[in-house]
Amino acid sequence: MATWRAECWLGSSAGRQTLEVQANTSIGANEQLQRVYRAEQISNIREVSNRSIGLSGGDTDAKIWLIAVVGVLYLLVTYWYVAIPVSVILGILICMGRNEG
């Protein structure tokens, strides 16, 4: 869901205010401003933050996982001559451990 900001006229007692609402579209934001804040006039409505898609916004977990995967791939490509024998030995040990019990 996106955050929308608009300049709204709330009547002579409150005057012009800058308000923010959460909505999927600008039409939904406009409806919320009218319904919740009873805005008489709405102008300059704009999206200030978008919903989190991919690696945008506060999606830190995805960024950390991406960095980890890229780091592991880099290490595998750089040290493949060490990674392959170690993987084979670990695989053999794991298989032997499962077959014992």
PDB file of N, CA and C in Angstrom:
ATOM      1  N   MET A   1       0.844  -1.167   0.000  1.00  0.00           N
ATOM      2  CA  MET A   1       0.000   0.000   0.000  1.00  0.00           C
ATOM      3  C   MET A   1       0.893   1.234   0.000  1.00  0.00           C
ATOM      4  N   ALA A   2       0.467   2.258  -0.697  1.00  0.00           N
ATOM      5  CA  ALA A   2       1.269   3.469  -0.837  1.00  0.00           C
ATOM      6  C   ALA A   2       0.799   4.552   0.129  1.00  0.00           C
ATOM      7  N   THR A   3       1.704   5.463   0.417  1.00  0.00           N
ATOM      8  CA  THR A   3       1.373   6.631   1.227  1.00  0.00           C
ATOM      9  C   THR A   3       1.161   7.806   0.289  1.00  0.00           C
ATOM     10  N   TRP A   4       0.046   8.504   0.488  1.00  0.00           N
ATOM     11  CA  TRP A   4      -0.313   9.645  -0.354  1.00  0.00           C
ATOM     12  C   TRP A   4      -0.377  10.902   0.489  1.00  0.00           C
ATOM     13  N   ARG A   5       0.119  12.013  -0.043  1.00  0.00           N
ATOM     14  CA  ARG A   5       0.102  13.297   0.655  1.00  0.00           C
ATOM     15  C   ARG A   5      -0.677  14.294  -0.196  1.00  0.00           C
ATOM     16  N   ALA A   6      -1.482  15.114   0.468  1.00  0.00           N
ATOM     17  CA  ALA A   6      -2.288  16.105  -0.253  1.00  0.00           C
ATOM     18  C   ALA A   6      -2.471  17.351   0.595  1.00  0.00           C
ATOM     19  N   GLU A   7      -2.672  18.472  -0.092  1.00  0.00           N
ATOM     20  CA  GLU A   7      -3.039  19.722   0.561  1.00  0.00           C
ATOM     21  C   GLU A   7      -4.568  19.752   0.613  1.00  0.00           C
ATOM     22  N   CYS A   8      -5.113  19.919   1.809  1.00  0.00           N
ATOM     23  CA  CYS A   8      -6.575  19.852   1.969  1.00  0.00           C
ATOM     24  C   CYS A   8      -7.079  21.085   2.715  1.00  0.00           C
ATOM     25  N   TRP A   9      -8.224  21.556   2.271  1.00  0.00           N
ATOM     26  CA  TRP A   9      -8.934  22.629   2.975  1.00  0.00           C
ATOM     27  C   TRP A   9      -9.969  21.963   3.862  1.00  0.00           C
ATOM     28  N   LEU A  10      -9.811  22.136   5.191  1.00  0.00           N
ATOM     29  CA  LEU A  10     -10.687  21.458   6.143  1.00  0.00           C
ATOM     30  C   LEU A  10     -11.736  22.388   6.731  1.00  0.00           C
ATOM     31  N   GLY A  11     -11.928  23.524   6.145  1.00  0.00           N
ATOM     32  CA  GLY A  11     -12.902  24.480   6.661  1.00  0.00           C
ATOM     33  C   GLY A  11     -12.196  25.674   7.273  1.00  0.00           C
ATOM     34  N   SER A  12     -12.960  26.678   7.620  1.00  0.00           N
ATOM     35  CA  SER A  12     -12.357  27.918   8.108  1.00  0.00           C
ATOM     36  C   SER A  12     -11.703  27.755   9.477  1.00  0.00           C
ATOM     37  N   SER A  13     -12.164  26.824  10.295  1.00  0.00           N
ATOM     38  CA  SER A  13     -11.569  26.664  11.629  1.00  0.00           C
ATOM     39  C   SER A  13     -10.197  25.990  11.567  1.00  0.00           C
ATOM     40  N   ALA A  14     -10.026  25.002  10.699  1.00  0.00           N
ATOM     41  CA  ALA A  14      -8.748  24.283  10.606  1.00  0.00           C
ATOM     42  C   ALA A  14      -7.870  24.827   9.487  1.00  0.00           C
ATOM     43  N   GLY A  15      -8.477  25.370   8.467  1.00  0.00           N
ATOM     44  CA  GLY A  15      -7.714  25.933   7.357  1.00  0.00           C
ATOM     45  C   GLY A  15      -7.098  24.874   6.469  1.00  0.00           C
ATOM     46  N   ARG A  16      -6.014  25.247   5.787  1.00  0.00           N
ATOM     47  CA  ARG A  16      -5.334  24.342   4.861  1.00  0.00           C
ATOM     48  C   ARG A  16      -4.319  23.510   5.633  1.00  0.00           C
ATOM     49  N   GLN A  17      -4.383  22.187   5.425  1.00  0.00           N
ATOM     50  CA  GLN A  17      -3.502  21.248   6.112  1.00  0.00           C
ATOM     51  C   GLN A  17      -2.869  20.304   5.091  1.00  0.00           C
ATOM     52  N   THR A  18      -1.680  19.834   5.395  1.00  0.00           N
ATOM     53  CA  THR A  18      -1.047  18.784   4.606  1.00  0.00           C
ATOM     54  C   THR A  18      -1.317  17.466   5.322  1.00  0.00           C
ATOM     55  N   LEU A  19      -1.992  16.554   4.625  1.00  0.00           N
ATOM     56  CA  LEU A  19      -2.410  15.291   5.237  1.00  0.00           C
ATOM     57  C   LEU A  19      -1.818  14.114   4.475  1.00  0.00           C
ATOM     58  N   GLU A  20      -1.621  13.002   5.184  1.00  0.00           N
ATOM     59  CA  GLU A  20      -1.146  11.765   4.568  1.00  0.00           C
ATOM     60  C   GLU A  20      -2.107  10.630   4.883  1.00  0.00           C
ATOM     61  N   VAL A  21      -2.350   9.783   3.883  1.00  0.00           N
ATOM     62  CA  VAL A  21      -3.200   8.606   4.058  1.00  0.00           C
ATOM     63  C   VAL A  21      -2.546   7.422   3.354  1.00  0.00           C
ATOM     64  N   GLN A  22      -2.976   6.227   3.730  1.00  0.00           N
ATOM     65  CA  GLN A  22      -2.521   4.990   3.099  1.00  0.00           C
ATOM     66  C   GLN A  22      -3.622   4.507   2.164  1.00  0.00           C
ATOM     67  N   ALA A  23      -3.273   4.300   0.891  1.00  0.00           N
ATOM     68  CA  ALA A  23      -4.250   3.811  -0.080  1.00  0.00           C
ATOM     69  C   ALA A  23      -3.505   3.176  -1.246  1.00  0.00           C
ATOM     70  N   ASN A  24      -4.237   2.374  -2.019  1.00  0.00           N
ATOM     71  CA  ASN A  24      -3.637   1.732  -3.185  1.00  0.00           C
ATOM     72  C   ASN A  24      -3.567   2.663  -4.385  1.00  0.00           C
ATOM     73  N   THR A  25      -4.544   3.551  -4.527  1.00  0.00           N
ATOM     74  CA  THR A  25      -4.595   4.456  -5.670  1.00  0.00           C
ATOM     75  C   THR A  25      -4.860   5.877  -5.203  1.00  0.00           C
ATOM     76  N   SER A  26      -4.685   6.821  -6.114  1.00  0.00           N
ATOM     77  CA  SER A  26      -4.963   8.219  -5.771  1.00  0.00           C
ATOM     78  C   SER A  26      -6.460   8.434  -5.555  1.00  0.00           C
ATOM     79  N   ILE A  27      -7.280   7.674  -6.246  1.00  0.00           N
ATOM     80  CA  ILE A  27      -8.736   7.788  -6.061  1.00  0.00           C
ATOM     81  C   ILE A  27      -9.112   7.315  -4.660  1.00  0.00           C
ATOM     82  N   GLY A  28      -8.514   6.196  -4.217  1.00  0.00           N
ATOM     83  CA  GLY A  28      -8.757   5.711  -2.860  1.00  0.00           C
ATOM     84  C   GLY A  28      -8.272   6.696  -1.816  1.00  0.00           C
ATOM     85  N   ALA A  29      -7.126   7.332  -2.078  1.00  0.00           N
ATOM     86  CA  ALA A  29      -6.603   8.338  -1.148  1.00  0.00           C
ATOM     87  C   ALA A  29      -7.552   9.530  -1.084  1.00  0.00           C
ATOM     88  N   ASN A  30      -8.058   9.938  -2.227  1.00  0.00           N
ATOM     89  CA  ASN A  30      -8.999  11.060  -2.283  1.00  0.00           C
ATOM     90  C   ASN A  30     -10.259  10.740  -1.477  1.00  0.00           C
ATOM     91  N   GLU A  31     -10.783   9.535  -1.644  1.00  0.00           N
ATOM     92  CA  GLU A  31     -11.975   9.127  -0.903  1.00  0.00           C
ATOM     93  C   GLU A  31     -11.708   9.116   0.604  1.00  0.00           C
ATOM     94  N   GLN A  32     -10.537   8.621   1.009  1.00  0.00           N
ATOM     95  CA  GLN A  32     -10.203   8.599   2.436  1.00  0.00           C
ATOM     96  C   GLN A  32     -10.101  10.004   3.008  1.00  0.00           C
ATOM     97  N   LEU A  33      -9.477  10.909   2.275  1.00  0.00           N
ATOM     98  CA  LEU A  33      -9.342  12.289   2.749  1.00  0.00           C
ATOM     99  C   LEU A  33     -10.714  12.930   2.947  1.00  0.00           C
ATOM    100  N   GLN A  34     -11.628  12.636   2.030  1.00  0.00           N
ATOM    101  CA  GLN A  34     -12.980  13.191   2.163  1.00  0.00           C
ATOM    102  C   GLN A  34     -13.730  12.539   3.319  1.00  0.00           C
ATOM    103  N   ARG A  35     -13.615  11.233   3.444  1.00  0.00           N
ATOM    104  CA  ARG A  35     -14.382  10.508   4.457  1.00  0.00           C
ATOM    105  C   ARG A  35     -13.811  10.703   5.866  1.00  0.00           C
ATOM    106  N   VAL A  36     -12.486  10.542   6.033  1.00  0.00           N
ATOM    107  CA  VAL A  36     -11.881  10.569   7.363  1.00  0.00           C
ATOM    108  C   VAL A  36     -11.716  11.991   7.876  1.00  0.00           C
ATOM    109  N   TYR A  37     -11.176  12.860   7.021  1.00  0.00           N
ATOM    110  CA  TYR A  37     -10.862  14.217   7.465  1.00  0.00           C
ATOM    111  C   TYR A  37     -11.936  15.239   7.083  1.00  0.00           C
ATOM    112  N   ARG A  38     -12.928  14.790   6.332  1.00  0.00           N
ATOM    113  CA  ARG A  38     -13.997  15.667   5.842  1.00  0.00           C
ATOM    114  C   ARG A  38     -13.418  16.866   5.099  1.00  0.00           C
ATOM    115  N   ALA A  39     -12.450  16.584   4.223  1.00  0.00           N
ATOM    116  CA  ALA A  39     -11.810  17.641   3.445  1.00  0.00           C
ATOM    117  C   ALA A  39     -12.798  18.217   2.443  1.00  0.00           C
ATOM    118  N   GLU A  40     -12.899  19.542   2.425  1.00  0.00           N
ATOM    119  CA  GLU A  40     -13.805  20.216   1.491  1.00  0.00           C
ATOM    120  C   GLU A  40     -13.158  20.379   0.121  1.00  0.00           C
ATOM    121  N   GLN A  41     -11.850  20.609   0.118  1.00  0.00           N
ATOM    122  CA  GLN A  41     -11.127  20.785  -1.130  1.00  0.00           C
ATOM    123  C   GLN A  41      -9.785  20.061  -1.020  1.00  0.00           C
ATOM    124  N   ILE A  42      -9.460  19.249  -2.035  1.00  0.00           N
ATOM    125  CA  ILE A  42      -8.221  18.473  -2.035  1.00  0.00           C
ATOM    126  C   ILE A  42      -7.416  18.874  -3.262  1.00  0.00           C
ATOM    127  N   SER A  43      -6.151  19.233  -3.036  1.00  0.00           N
ATOM    128  CA  SER A  43      -5.299  19.596  -4.167  1.00  0.00           C
ATOM    129  C   SER A  43      -3.901  19.025  -3.977  1.00  0.00           C
ATOM    130  N   ASN A  44      -3.182  18.931  -5.072  1.00  0.00           N
ATOM    131  CA  ASN A  44      -1.791  18.508  -5.072  1.00  0.00           C
ATOM    132  C   ASN A  44      -1.602  17.148  -4.399  1.00  0.00           C
ATOM    133  N   ILE A  45      -2.429  16.179  -4.783  1.00  0.00           N
ATOM    134  CA  ILE A  45      -2.302  14.840  -4.210  1.00  0.00           C
ATOM    135  C   ILE A  45      -1.153  14.121  -4.923  1.00  0.00           C
ATOM    136  N   ARG A  46      -0.243  13.527  -4.142  1.00  0.00           N
ATOM    137  CA  ARG A  46       0.913  12.870  -4.723  1.00  0.00           C
ATOM    138  C   ARG A  46       1.335  11.680  -3.856  1.00  0.00           C
ATOM    139  N   GLU A  47       1.963  10.727  -4.506  1.00  0.00           N
ATOM    140  CA  GLU A  47       2.445   9.529  -3.820  1.00  0.00           C
ATOM    141  C   GLU A  47       3.827   9.832  -3.245  1.00  0.00           C
ATOM    142  N   VAL A  48       3.996   9.614  -1.939  1.00  0.00           N
ATOM    143  CA  VAL A  48       5.279   9.903  -1.304  1.00  0.00           C
ATOM    144  C   VAL A  48       6.093   8.646  -1.039  1.00  0.00           C
ATOM    145  N   SER A  49       5.456   7.488  -0.942  1.00  0.00           N
ATOM    146  CA  SER A  49       6.207   6.236  -0.826  1.00  0.00           C
ATOM    147  C   SER A  49       5.388   5.142  -1.461  1.00  0.00           C
ATOM    148  N   ASN A  50       6.101   4.274  -2.157  1.00  0.00           N
ATOM    149  CA  ASN A  50       5.432   3.194  -2.867  1.00  0.00           C
ATOM    150  C   ASN A  50       5.447   1.935  -2.024  1.00  0.00           C
ATOM    151  N   ARG A  51       4.597   0.986  -2.376  1.00  0.00           N
ATOM    152  CA  ARG A  51       4.604  -0.286  -1.692  1.00  0.00           C
ATOM    153  C   ARG A  51       5.924  -0.980  -1.951  1.00  0.00           C
ATOM    154  N   SER A  52       6.287  -1.832  -1.061  1.00  0.00           N
ATOM    155  CA  SER A  52       7.567  -2.505  -1.149  1.00  0.00           C
ATOM    156  C   SER A  52       7.534  -3.563  -2.235  1.00  0.00           C
ATOM    157  N   ILE A  53       8.280  -3.340  -3.309  1.00  0.00           N
ATOM    158  CA  ILE A  53       8.369  -4.311  -4.393  1.00  0.00           C
ATOM    159  C   ILE A  53       9.834  -4.637  -4.582  1.00  0.00           C
ATOM    160  N   GLY A  54      10.186  -5.889  -4.528  1.00  0.00           N
ATOM    161  CA  GLY A  54      11.577  -6.262  -4.723  1.00  0.00           C
ATOM    162  C   GLY A  54      12.441  -5.765  -3.589  1.00  0.00           C
ATOM    163  N   LEU A  55      13.449  -4.963  -3.910  1.00  0.00           N
ATOM    164  CA  LEU A  55      14.398  -4.511  -2.905  1.00  0.00           C
ATOM    165  C   LEU A  55      14.191  -3.055  -2.540  1.00  0.00           C
ATOM    166  N   SER A  56      13.029  -2.497  -2.842  1.00  0.00           N
ATOM    167  CA  SER A  56      12.825  -1.090  -2.512  1.00  0.00           C
ATOM    168  C   SER A  56      12.305  -0.941  -1.089  1.00  0.00           C
ATOM    169  N   GLY A  57      12.423   0.247  -0.569  1.00  0.00           N
ATOM    170  CA  GLY A  57      11.874   0.551   0.743  1.00  0.00           C
ATOM    171  C   GLY A  57      12.620  -0.102   1.870  1.00  0.00           C
ATOM    172  N   GLY A  58      11.871  -0.583   2.869  1.00  0.00           N
ATOM    173  CA  GLY A  58      12.496  -1.131   4.058  1.00  0.00           C
ATOM    174  C   GLY A  58      12.628  -2.631   4.016  1.00  0.00           C
ATOM    175  N   ASP A  59      12.793  -3.182   2.850  1.00  0.00           N
ATOM    176  CA  ASP A  59      12.889  -4.630   2.721  1.00  0.00           C
ATOM    177  C   ASP A  59      14.315  -5.087   2.986  1.00  0.00           C
ATOM    178  N   THR A  60      14.786  -4.922   4.212  1.00  0.00           N
ATOM    179  CA  THR A  60      16.179  -5.209   4.559  1.00  0.00           C
ATOM    180  C   THR A  60      16.484  -6.689   4.539  1.00  0.00           C
ATOM    181  N   ASP A  61      15.534  -7.529   4.913  1.00  0.00           N
ATOM    182  CA  ASP A  61      15.789  -8.970   4.908  1.00  0.00           C
ATOM    183  C   ASP A  61      16.158  -9.451   3.511  1.00  0.00           C
ATOM    184  N   ALA A  62      15.449  -8.974   2.507  1.00  0.00           N
ATOM    185  CA  ALA A  62      15.740  -9.375   1.128  1.00  0.00           C
ATOM    186  C   ALA A  62      17.108  -8.869   0.702  1.00  0.00           C
ATOM    187  N   LYS A  63      17.468  -7.658   1.127  1.00  0.00           N
ATOM    188  CA  LYS A  63      18.793  -7.125   0.784  1.00  0.00           C
ATOM    189  C   LYS A  63      19.891  -7.963   1.426  1.00  0.00           C
ATOM    190  N   ILE A  64      19.696  -8.350   2.681  1.00  0.00           N
ATOM    191  CA  ILE A  64      20.691  -9.164   3.378  1.00  0.00           C
ATOM    192  C   ILE A  64      20.842 -10.523   2.698  1.00  0.00           C
ATOM    193  N   TRP A  65      19.707 -11.147   2.337  1.00  0.00           N
ATOM    194  CA  TRP A  65      19.764 -12.440   1.661  1.00  0.00           C
ATOM    195  C   TRP A  65      20.454 -12.322   0.307  1.00  0.00           C
ATOM    196  N   LEU A  66      20.169 -11.253  -0.425  1.00  0.00           N
ATOM    197  CA  LEU A  66      20.808 -11.061  -1.726  1.00  0.00           C
ATOM    198  C   LEU A  66      22.315 -10.908  -1.575  1.00  0.00           C
ATOM    199  N   ILE A  67      22.741 -10.110  -0.607  1.00  0.00           N
ATOM    200  CA  ILE A  67      24.178  -9.931  -0.364  1.00  0.00           C
ATOM    201  C   ILE A  67      24.817 -11.254   0.048  1.00  0.00           C
ATOM    202  N   ALA A  68      24.130 -12.031   0.891  1.00  0.00           N
ATOM    203  CA  ALA A  68      24.664 -13.321   1.327  1.00  0.00           C
ATOM    204  C   ALA A  68      24.807 -14.287   0.155  1.00  0.00           C
ATOM    205  N   VAL A  69      23.800 -14.368  -0.688  1.00  0.00           N
ATOM    206  CA  VAL A  69      23.846 -15.281  -1.832  1.00  0.00           C
ATOM    207  C   VAL A  69      24.954 -14.870  -2.801  1.00  0.00           C
ATOM    208  N   VAL A  70      25.051 -13.570  -3.074  1.00  0.00           N
ATOM    209  CA  VAL A  70      26.112 -13.094  -3.971  1.00  0.00           C
ATOM    210  C   VAL A  70      27.486 -13.367  -3.353  1.00  0.00           C
ATOM    211  N   GLY A  71      27.617 -13.163  -2.044  1.00  0.00           N
ATOM    212  CA  GLY A  71      28.886 -13.434  -1.372  1.00  0.00           C
ATOM    213  C   GLY A  71      29.276 -14.904  -1.447  1.00  0.00           C
ATOM    214  N   VAL A  72      28.309 -15.791  -1.222  1.00  0.00           N
ATOM    215  CA  VAL A  72      28.593 -17.231  -1.293  1.00  0.00           C
ATOM    216  C   VAL A  72      28.962 -17.633  -2.719  1.00  0.00           C
ATOM    217  N   LEU A  73      28.241 -17.102  -3.699  1.00  0.00           N
ATOM    218  CA  LEU A  73      28.576 -17.406  -5.096  1.00  0.00           C
ATOM    219  C   LEU A  73      29.978 -16.905  -5.446  1.00  0.00           C
ATOM    220  N   TYR A  74      30.318 -15.726  -4.967  1.00  0.00           N
ATOM    221  CA  TYR A  74      31.668 -15.197  -5.209  1.00  0.00           C
ATOM    222  C   TYR A  74      32.732 -16.123  -4.613  1.00  0.00           C
ATOM    223  N   LEU A  75      32.497 -16.550  -3.380  1.00  0.00           N
ATOM    224  CA  LEU A  75      33.465 -17.444  -2.740  1.00  0.00           C
ATOM    225  C   LEU A  75      33.568 -18.776  -3.475  1.00  0.00           C
ATOM    226  N   LEU A  76      32.428 -19.309  -3.938  1.00  0.00           N
ATOM    227  CA  LEU A  76      32.449 -20.576  -4.672  1.00  0.00           C
ATOM    228  C   LEU A  76      33.205 -20.444  -5.983  1.00  0.00           C
ATOM    229  N   VAL A  77      32.989 -19.331  -6.691  1.00  0.00           N
ATOM    230  CA  VAL A  77      33.675 -19.138  -7.969  1.00  0.00           C
ATOM    231  C   VAL A  77      35.165 -18.901  -7.739  1.00  0.00           C
ATOM    232  N   THR A  78      35.496 -18.147  -6.714  1.00  0.00           N
ATOM    233  CA  THR A  78      36.896 -17.828  -6.447  1.00  0.00           C
ATOM    234  C   THR A  78      37.665 -19.039  -5.926  1.00  0.00           C
ATOM    235  N   TYR A  79      37.056 -19.771  -5.019  1.00  0.00           N
ATOM    236  CA  TYR A  79      37.748 -20.893  -4.370  1.00  0.00           C
ATOM    237  C   TYR A  79      37.103 -22.231  -4.731  1.00  0.00           C
ATOM    238  N   TRP A  80      36.758 -22.443  -6.004  1.00  0.00           N
ATOM    239  CA  TRP A  80      36.104 -23.672  -6.430  1.00  0.00           C
ATOM    240  C   TRP A  80      36.978 -24.883  -6.187  1.00  0.00           C
ATOM    241  N   TYR A  81      38.287 -24.723  -6.310  1.00  0.00           N
ATOM    242  CA  TYR A  81      39.198 -25.852  -6.138  1.00  0.00           C
ATOM    243  C   TYR A  81      39.255 -26.336  -4.689  1.00  0.00           C
ATOM    244  N   VAL A  82      38.810 -25.499  -3.750  1.00  0.00           N
ATOM    245  CA  VAL A  82      38.720 -25.906  -2.351  1.00  0.00           C
ATOM    246  C   VAL A  82      37.285 -26.334  -2.032  1.00  0.00           C
ATOM    247  N   ALA A  83      36.312 -25.627  -2.608  1.00  0.00           N
ATOM    248  CA  ALA A  83      34.901 -25.857  -2.281  1.00  0.00           C
ATOM    249  C   ALA A  83      34.424 -27.239  -2.735  1.00  0.00           C
ATOM    250  N   ILE A  84      34.869 -27.674  -3.900  1.00  0.00           N
ATOM    251  CA  ILE A  84      34.393 -28.964  -4.414  1.00  0.00           C
ATOM    252  C   ILE A  84      34.871 -30.125  -3.544  1.00  0.00           C
ATOM    253  N   PRO A  85      36.169 -30.263  -3.227  1.00  0.00           N
ATOM    254  CA  PRO A  85      36.580 -31.380  -2.358  1.00  0.00           C
ATOM    255  C   PRO A  85      35.957 -31.326  -0.964  1.00  0.00           C
ATOM    256  N   VAL A  86      35.841 -30.127  -0.396  1.00  0.00           N
ATOM    257  CA  VAL A  86      35.232 -30.005   0.931  1.00  0.00           C
ATOM    258  C   VAL A  86      33.771 -30.435   0.871  1.00  0.00           C
ATOM    259  N   SER A  87      33.054 -30.048  -0.179  1.00  0.00           N
ATOM    260  CA  SER A  87      31.646 -30.444  -0.323  1.00  0.00           C
ATOM    261  C   SER A  87      31.510 -31.950  -0.463  1.00  0.00           C
ATOM    262  N   VAL A  88      32.384 -32.563  -1.242  1.00  0.00           N
ATOM    263  CA  VAL A  88      32.326 -34.023  -1.424  1.00  0.00           C
ATOM    264  C   VAL A  88      32.598 -34.730  -0.097  1.00  0.00           C
ATOM    265  N   ILE A  89      33.624 -34.286   0.635  1.00  0.00           N
ATOM    266  CA  ILE A  89      33.950 -34.910   1.922  1.00  0.00           C
ATOM    267  C   ILE A  89      32.797 -34.749   2.912  1.00  0.00           C
ATOM    268  N   LEU A  90      32.230 -33.539   3.000  1.00  0.00           N
ATOM    269  CA  LEU A  90      31.082 -33.330   3.892  1.00  0.00           C
ATOM    270  C   LEU A  90      29.889 -34.182   3.485  1.00  0.00           C
ATOM    271  N   GLY A  91      29.637 -34.304   2.187  1.00  0.00           N
ATOM    272  CA  GLY A  91      28.540 -35.153   1.713  1.00  0.00           C
ATOM    273  C   GLY A  91      28.733 -36.601   2.101  1.00  0.00           C
ATOM    274  N   ILE A  92      29.963 -37.114   1.969  1.00  0.00           N
ATOM    275  CA  ILE A  92      30.262 -38.490   2.351  1.00  0.00           C
ATOM    276  C   ILE A  92      30.056 -38.690   3.855  1.00  0.00           C
ATOM    277  N   LEU A  93      30.562 -37.728   4.649  1.00  0.00           N
ATOM    278  CA  LEU A  93      30.410 -37.847   6.110  1.00  0.00           C
ATOM    279  C   LEU A  93      28.934 -37.799   6.518  1.00  0.00           C
ATOM    280  N   ILE A  94      28.148 -36.952   5.895  1.00  0.00           N
ATOM    281  CA  ILE A  94      26.719 -36.870   6.224  1.00  0.00           C
ATOM    282  C   ILE A  94      26.008 -38.161   5.869  1.00  0.00           C
ATOM    283  N   CYS A  95      26.329 -38.722   4.690  1.00  0.00           N
ATOM    284  CA  CYS A  95      25.709 -39.992   4.272  1.00  0.00           C
ATOM    285  C   CYS A  95      26.098 -41.128   5.209  1.00  0.00           C
ATOM    286  N   MET A  96      27.362 -41.166   5.639  1.00  0.00           N
ATOM    287  CA  MET A  96      27.813 -42.206   6.562  1.00  0.00           C
ATOM    288  C   MET A  96      27.121 -42.057   7.910  1.00  0.00           C
ATOM    289  N   GLY A  97      26.933 -40.831   8.359  1.00  0.00           N
ATOM    290  CA  GLY A  97      26.262 -40.589   9.637  1.00  0.00           C
ATOM    291  C   GLY A  97      24.811 -41.035   9.603  1.00  0.00           C
ATOM    292  N   ARG A  98      24.140 -40.860   8.494  1.00  0.00           N
ATOM    293  CA  ARG A  98      22.730 -41.286   8.367  1.00  0.00           C
ATOM    294  C   ARG A  98      22.593 -42.807   8.314  1.00  0.00           C
ATOM    295  N   ASN A  99      23.570 -43.451   7.700  1.00  0.00           N
ATOM    296  CA  ASN A  99      23.490 -44.899   7.544  1.00  0.00           C
ATOM    297  C   ASN A  99      23.869 -45.671   8.801  1.00  0.00           C
ATOM    298  N   GLU A 100      24.561 -45.015   9.738  1.00  0.00           N
ATOM    299  CA  GLU A 100      24.979 -45.701  10.962  1.00  0.00           C
ATOM    300  C   GLU A 100      23.805 -45.966  11.897  1.00  0.00           C
ATOM    301  N   GLY A 101      22.898 -44.980  12.008  1.00  0.00           N
ATOM    302  CA  GLY A 101      21.849 -45.062  13.003  1.00  0.00           C
ATOM    303  C   GLY A 101      20.647 -45.755  12.534  1.00  0.00           C
TER     304      GLY A 101
END
